[in-house]
C-alpha atoms as a PDB file:
ATOM      1  CA  UNK A   1      34.613  29.762 -74.916  1.00  0.00           C
ATOM      2  CA  UNK A   2      31.655  29.803 -72.576  1.00  0.00           C
ATOM      3  CA  UNK A   3      31.477  26.757 -70.246  1.00  0.00           C
ATOM      4  CA  UNK A   4      28.353  24.642 -70.665  1.00  0.00           C
ATOM      5  CA  UNK A   5      25.508  25.252 -68.202  1.00  0.00           C
ATOM      6  CA  UNK A   6      25.654  23.494 -64.919  1.00  0.00           C
ATOM      7  CA  UNK A   7      23.732  20.201 -64.923  1.00  0.00           C
ATOM      8  CA  UNK A   8      22.978  17.538 -62.367  1.00  0.00           C
ATOM      9  CA  UNK A   9      24.469  14.051 -62.558  1.00  0.00           C
ATOM     10  CA  UNK A  10      22.720  11.852 -65.127  1.00  0.00           C
ATOM     11  CA  UNK A  11      22.720   8.148 -65.744  1.00  0.00           C
ATOM     12  CA  UNK A  12      21.805   6.358 -68.935  1.00  0.00           C
ATOM     13  CA  UNK A  13      20.762   2.772 -68.618  1.00  0.00           C
ATOM     14  CA  UNK A  14      20.819   1.100 -72.098  1.00  0.00           C
ATOM     15  CA  UNK A  15      19.527  -2.332 -72.955  1.00  0.00           C
ATOM     16  CA  UNK A  16      21.434  -3.760 -75.875  1.00  0.00           C
ATOM     17  CA  UNK A  17      21.090  -6.963 -77.911  1.00  0.00           C
ATOM     18  CA  UNK A  18      19.259  -8.695 -80.746  1.00  0.00           C
ATOM     19  CA  UNK A  19      15.839 -10.019 -79.861  1.00  0.00           C
ATOM     20  CA  UNK A  20      15.994 -12.364 -82.852  1.00  0.00           C
ATOM     21  CA  UNK A  21      18.987 -14.237 -81.379  1.00  0.00           C
ATOM     22  CA  UNK A  22      17.518 -15.869 -78.289  1.00  0.00           C
ATOM     23  CA  UNK A  23      19.272 -14.853 -75.158  1.00  0.00           C
ATOM     24  CA  UNK A  24      20.972 -11.942 -76.897  1.00  0.00           C
ATOM     25  CA  UNK A  25      17.683 -10.189 -76.206  1.00  0.00           C
ATOM     26  CA  UNK A  26      18.422 -10.140 -72.464  1.00  0.00           C
ATOM     27  CA  UNK A  27      19.343  -6.452 -72.306  1.00  0.00           C
ATOM     28  CA  UNK A  28      16.318  -5.370 -74.256  1.00  0.00           C
ATOM     29  CA  UNK A  29      13.950  -7.470 -72.166  1.00  0.00           C
ATOM     30  CA  UNK A  30      15.542  -6.164 -68.909  1.00  0.00           C
ATOM     31  CA  UNK A  31      15.210  -2.547 -69.917  1.00  0.00           C
ATOM     32  CA  UNK A  32      11.572  -3.188 -70.982  1.00  0.00           C
ATOM     33  CA  UNK A  33      10.729  -4.458 -67.515  1.00  0.00           C
ATOM     34  CA  UNK A  34      12.845  -1.695 -65.872  1.00  0.00           C
ATOM     35  CA  UNK A  35      10.810   0.912 -67.694  1.00  0.00           C
ATOM     36  CA  UNK A  36       7.753   0.047 -65.524  1.00  0.00           C
ATOM     37  CA  UNK A  37       9.753   0.464 -62.307  1.00  0.00           C
ATOM     38  CA  UNK A  38      10.002   3.835 -60.533  1.00  0.00           C
ATOM     39  CA  UNK A  39      13.363   5.254 -61.466  1.00  0.00           C
ATOM     40  CA  UNK A  40      15.220   8.144 -59.807  1.00  0.00           C
ATOM     41  CA  UNK A  41      14.898  11.441 -61.671  1.00  0.00           C
ATOM     42  CA  UNK A  42      18.488  11.339 -62.876  1.00  0.00           C
ATOM     43  CA  UNK A  43      18.071   8.062 -64.634  1.00  0.00           C
ATOM     44  CA  UNK A  44      16.980   7.468 -68.185  1.00  0.00           C
ATOM     45  CA  UNK A  45      16.326   3.860 -69.392  1.00  0.00           C
ATOM     46  CA  UNK A  46      16.350   3.156 -73.124  1.00  0.00           C
ATOM     47  CA  UNK A  47      16.081   0.167 -75.432  1.00  0.00           C
ATOM     48  CA  UNK A  48      19.011   0.456 -77.765  1.00  0.00           C
ATOM     49  CA  UNK A  49      18.783  -3.043 -79.297  1.00  0.00           C
ATOM     50  CA  UNK A  50      21.272  -3.328 -82.122  1.00  0.00           C
ATOM     51  CA  UNK A  51      21.589   0.414 -82.735  1.00  0.00           C
ATOM     52  CA  UNK A  52      25.179   0.836 -81.430  1.00  0.00           C
ATOM     53  CA  UNK A  53      25.950   3.921 -83.468  1.00  0.00           C
ATOM     54  CA  UNK A  54      22.810   5.599 -82.097  1.00  0.00           C
ATOM     55  CA  UNK A  55      24.008   4.826 -78.541  1.00  0.00           C
ATOM     56  CA  UNK A  56      27.401   6.388 -79.163  1.00  0.00           C
ATOM     57  CA  UNK A  57      25.793   9.557 -80.535  1.00  0.00           C
ATOM     58  CA  UNK A  58      23.217   9.619 -77.676  1.00  0.00           C
ATOM     59  CA  UNK A  59      26.108   9.585 -75.125  1.00  0.00           C
ATOM     60  CA  UNK A  60      27.376  12.799 -76.618  1.00  0.00           C
ATOM     61  CA  UNK A  61      24.492  14.461 -74.742  1.00  0.00           C
ATOM     62  CA  UNK A  62      26.563  14.174 -71.614  1.00  0.00           C
ATOM     63  CA  UNK A  63      25.984  11.373 -69.093  1.00  0.00           C
ATOM     64  CA  UNK A  64      28.032  10.873 -65.938  1.00  0.00           C
ATOM     65  CA  UNK A  65      27.298   7.167 -65.734  1.00  0.00           C
ATOM     66  CA  UNK A  66      26.386   4.563 -68.372  1.00  0.00           C
ATOM     67  CA  UNK A  67      24.911   1.206 -67.346  1.00  0.00           C
ATOM     68  CA  UNK A  68      24.860  -1.287 -70.267  1.00  0.00           C
ATOM     69  CA  UNK A  69      22.660  -4.349 -69.981  1.00  0.00           C
ATOM     70  CA  UNK A  70      23.665  -7.115 -72.297  1.00  0.00           C
ATOM     71  CA  UNK A  71      24.158 -10.864 -72.708  1.00  0.00           C
ATOM     72  CA  UNK A  72      27.769 -11.607 -71.647  1.00  0.00           C
ATOM     73  CA  UNK A  73      29.563 -14.788 -72.287  1.00  0.00           C
ATOM     74  CA  UNK A  74      32.074 -15.303 -69.427  1.00  0.00           C
ATOM     75  CA  UNK A  75      31.971 -19.113 -68.960  1.00  0.00           C
ATOM     76  CA  UNK A  76      29.472 -19.278 -66.090  1.00  0.00           C
ATOM     77  CA  UNK A  77      26.179 -21.238 -65.886  1.00  0.00           C
ATOM     78  CA  UNK A  78      23.344 -19.824 -68.078  1.00  0.00           C
ATOM     79  CA  UNK A  79      21.470 -17.138 -66.194  1.00  0.00           C
ATOM     80  CA  UNK A  80      24.464 -16.083 -64.070  1.00  0.00           C
ATOM     81  CA  UNK A  81      24.532 -12.294 -63.651  1.00  0.00           C
ATOM     82  CA  UNK A  82      27.693 -10.244 -63.722  1.00  0.00           C
ATOM     83  CA  UNK A  83      28.463  -6.701 -62.707  1.00  0.00           C
ATOM     84  CA  UNK A  84      31.454  -5.429 -64.642  1.00  0.00           C
ATOM     85  CA  UNK A  85      33.155  -2.108 -64.227  1.00  0.00           C
ATOM     86  CA  UNK A  86      34.268  -1.353 -67.824  1.00  0.00           C
ATOM     87  CA  UNK A  87      37.686   0.014 -68.461  1.00  0.00           C
ATOM     88  CA  UNK A  88      38.325   2.637 -71.104  1.00  0.00           C
ATOM     89  CA  UNK A  89      38.126   1.089 -74.603  1.00  0.00           C
ATOM     90  CA  UNK A  90      41.009   0.547 -76.857  1.00  0.00           C
ATOM     91  CA  UNK A  91      40.692  -3.087 -77.990  1.00  0.00           C
ATOM     92  CA  UNK A  92      38.789  -2.120 -81.195  1.00  0.00           C
ATOM     93  CA  UNK A  93      40.044   0.247 -83.854  1.00  0.00           C
ATOM     94  CA  UNK A  94      37.510   3.019 -84.592  1.00  0.00           C
ATOM     95  CA  UNK A  95      37.478   2.028 -88.300  1.00  0.00           C
ATOM     96  CA  UNK A  96      36.364  -1.446 -87.367  1.00  0.00           C
ATOM     97  CA  UNK A  97      33.549  -0.042 -85.144  1.00  0.00           C
ATOM     98  CA  UNK A  98      32.119   1.812 -88.147  1.00  0.00           C
ATOM     99  CA  UNK A  99      32.022  -1.209 -90.521  1.00  0.00           C
ATOM    100  CA  UNK A 100      28.693  -2.566 -89.286  1.00  0.00           C
ATOM    101  CA  UNK A 101      26.456  -0.390 -87.182  1.00  0.00           C
ATOM    102  CA  UNK A 102      24.127  -3.273 -86.307  1.00  0.00           C
ATOM    103  CA  UNK A 103      26.872  -5.589 -84.934  1.00  0.00           C
ATOM    104  CA  UNK A 104      28.631  -3.287 -82.600  1.00  0.00           C
ATOM    105  CA  UNK A 105      29.771  -4.755 -79.353  1.00  0.00           C
ATOM    106  CA  UNK A 106      29.770  -2.549 -76.295  1.00  0.00           C
ATOM    107  CA  UNK A 107      33.678  -2.227 -76.676  1.00  0.00           C
ATOM    108  CA  UNK A 108      33.117  -0.940 -80.257  1.00  0.00           C
ATOM    109  CA  UNK A 109      30.462   1.555 -79.141  1.00  0.00           C
ATOM    110  CA  UNK A 110      32.774   2.901 -76.388  1.00  0.00           C
ATOM    111  CA  UNK A 111      35.688   3.141 -78.829  1.00  0.00           C
ATOM    112  CA  UNK A 112      33.499   4.995 -81.341  1.00  0.00           C
ATOM    113  CA  UNK A 113      32.321   7.253 -78.510  1.00  0.00           C
ATOM    114  CA  UNK A 114      35.986   8.125 -77.667  1.00  0.00           C
ATOM    115  CA  UNK A 115      36.573   8.999 -81.284  1.00  0.00           C
ATOM    116  CA  UNK A 116      33.400  11.195 -81.416  1.00  0.00           C
ATOM    117  CA  UNK A 117      34.356  12.925 -78.175  1.00  0.00           C
ATOM    118  CA  UNK A 118      37.861  13.665 -79.369  1.00  0.00           C
ATOM    119  CA  UNK A 119      36.317  15.406 -82.460  1.00  0.00           C
ATOM    120  CA  UNK A 120      33.493  17.257 -80.687  1.00  0.00           C
ATOM    121  CA  UNK A 121      35.057  18.244 -77.345  1.00  0.00           C
ATOM    122  CA  UNK A 122      32.385  16.263 -75.441  1.00  0.00           C
ATOM    123  CA  UNK A 123      33.248  13.985 -72.489  1.00  0.00           C
ATOM    124  CA  UNK A 124      32.360  10.316 -72.308  1.00  0.00           C
ATOM    125  CA  UNK A 125      30.629   9.006 -69.220  1.00  0.00           C
ATOM    126  CA  UNK A 126      33.031   8.947 -66.266  1.00  0.00           C
ATOM    127  CA  UNK A 127      31.814   5.533 -65.223  1.00  0.00           C
ATOM    128  CA  UNK A 128      30.599   2.580 -67.358  1.00  0.00           C
ATOM    129  CA  UNK A 129      29.038  -0.519 -65.826  1.00  0.00           C
ATOM    130  CA  UNK A 130      27.833  -3.612 -67.512  1.00  0.00           C
ATOM    131  CA  UNK A 131      25.064  -5.737 -66.079  1.00  0.00           C
ATOM    132  CA  UNK A 132      25.601  -8.979 -67.998  1.00  0.00           C
ATOM    133  CA  UNK A 133      23.886 -12.335 -68.089  1.00  0.00           C
ATOM    134  CA  UNK A 134      25.440 -15.567 -69.164  1.00  0.00           C
ATOM    135  CA  UNK A 135      23.411 -16.799 -72.208  1.00  0.00           C
ATOM    136  CA  UNK A 136      22.339 -20.354 -72.811  1.00  0.00           C
ATOM    137  CA  UNK A 137      21.788 -19.854 -76.559  1.00  0.00           C
ATOM    138  CA  UNK A 138      22.320 -17.033 -79.053  1.00  0.00           C
ATOM    139  CA  UNK A 139      21.241 -18.654 -82.288  1.00  0.00           C
ATOM    140  CA  UNK A 140      18.268 -17.549 -84.371  1.00  0.00           C
ATOM    141  CA  UNK A 141      14.951 -17.613 -82.492  1.00  0.00           C
ATOM    142  CA  UNK A 142      12.789 -15.254 -80.500  1.00  0.00           C
ATOM    143  CA  UNK A 143      12.603 -15.621 -76.749  1.00  0.00           C
ATOM    144  CA  UNK A 144      14.844 -16.045 -73.803  1.00  0.00           C
ATOM    145  CA  UNK A 145      15.871 -19.419 -72.505  1.00  0.00           C
ATOM    146  CA  UNK A 146      14.377 -20.408 -69.127  1.00  0.00           C
ATOM    147  CA  UNK A 147      17.504 -19.613 -67.008  1.00  0.00           C
ATOM    148  CA  UNK A 148      18.053 -16.221 -68.688  1.00  0.00           C
ATOM    149  CA  UNK A 149      14.375 -15.327 -68.412  1.00  0.00           C
ATOM    150  CA  UNK A 150      14.526 -16.202 -64.716  1.00  0.00           C
ATOM    151  CA  UNK A 151      17.531 -13.854 -64.319  1.00  0.00           C
ATOM    152  CA  UNK A 152      15.701 -10.818 -65.670  1.00  0.00           C
ATOM    153  CA  UNK A 153      13.863  -9.790 -62.447  1.00  0.00           C
ATOM    154  CA  UNK A 154      17.114  -9.988 -60.496  1.00  0.00           C
ATOM    155  CA  UNK A 155      18.880  -7.892 -63.142  1.00  0.00           C
ATOM    156  CA  UNK A 156      16.130  -5.290 -62.801  1.00  0.00           C
ATOM    157  CA  UNK A 157      16.720  -5.251 -59.081  1.00  0.00           C
ATOM    158  CA  UNK A 158      20.418  -5.076 -59.579  1.00  0.00           C
ATOM    159  CA  UNK A 159      20.103  -2.010 -61.890  1.00  0.00           C
ATOM    160  CA  UNK A 160      17.692  -0.339 -59.439  1.00  0.00           C
ATOM    161  CA  UNK A 161      20.129  -0.818 -56.590  1.00  0.00           C
ATOM    162  CA  UNK A 162      22.996   0.563 -58.801  1.00  0.00           C
ATOM    163  CA  UNK A 163      21.202   3.726 -59.802  1.00  0.00           C
ATOM    164  CA  UNK A 164      19.934   4.366 -56.334  1.00  0.00           C
ATOM    165  CA  UNK A 165      23.484   3.879 -54.891  1.00  0.00           C
ATOM    166  CA  UNK A 166      24.795   6.180 -57.606  1.00  0.00           C
ATOM    167  CA  UNK A 167      22.253   8.838 -56.643  1.00  0.00           C
ATOM    168  CA  UNK A 168      23.342   8.693 -52.997  1.00  0.00           C
ATOM    169  CA  UNK A 169      27.095   8.777 -53.717  1.00  0.00           C
ATOM    170  CA  UNK A 170      27.412  10.956 -56.800  1.00  0.00           C
ATOM    171  CA  UNK A 171      28.752  14.445 -56.296  1.00  0.00           C
ATOM    172  CA  UNK A 172      26.979  17.362 -58.061  1.00  0.00           C
ATOM    173  CA  UNK A 173      28.450  17.525 -61.547  1.00  0.00           C
ATOM    174  CA  UNK A 174      30.681  20.489 -62.215  1.00  0.00           C
ATOM    175  CA  UNK A 175      30.800  22.070 -65.650  1.00  0.00           C
ATOM    176  CA  UNK A 176      33.923  21.527 -67.740  1.00  0.00           C
ATOM    177  CA  UNK A 177      35.315  24.070 -70.215  1.00  0.00           C
ATOM    178  CA  UNK A 178      36.788  21.617 -72.798  1.00  0.00           C
ATOM    179  CA  UNK A 179      37.392  17.981 -73.707  1.00  0.00           C
ATOM    180  CA  UNK A 180      38.244  15.476 -71.064  1.00  0.00           C
ATOM    181  CA  UNK A 181      41.877  14.477 -70.731  1.00  0.00           C
ATOM    182  CA  UNK A 182      42.252  10.737 -70.463  1.00  0.00           C
END
């Protein structure tokens, strides 16, 4: 088997969430604003919205780092930002992840990705970060609450700092000849 061509480190920044459920649209709005900022060449920012299956398949293209931006309930005050280093998945069965492609949590996406990687020989991102924001409301309605809307500019700055730090500290990617061993 011929090893894949050498590539440079890549980072995918993905905004996830449902804009029709109030603060659940935090990730989508943050990525929308991030798209107008100057990003390093190794960074790709995309609005995934509720297309979790699409995100899992997109990650098969080979990214070293994934930064998910999402509303994240952790018990803090609305608008509180969190930076979470995600562990490897395992809390969701792959069959459960496939039941509803529009209601996939980040855990379900990462679990599906592990399943896809096992079947294709691809490798998942080596590092997954979540930039989360404590929502005030996630019921039907378009638009972010005031505290979550106020957190969006700081979330954009947080992501920019992350990807610039990643650029400075990431080693040049080395090609691999087969599937990753976890």
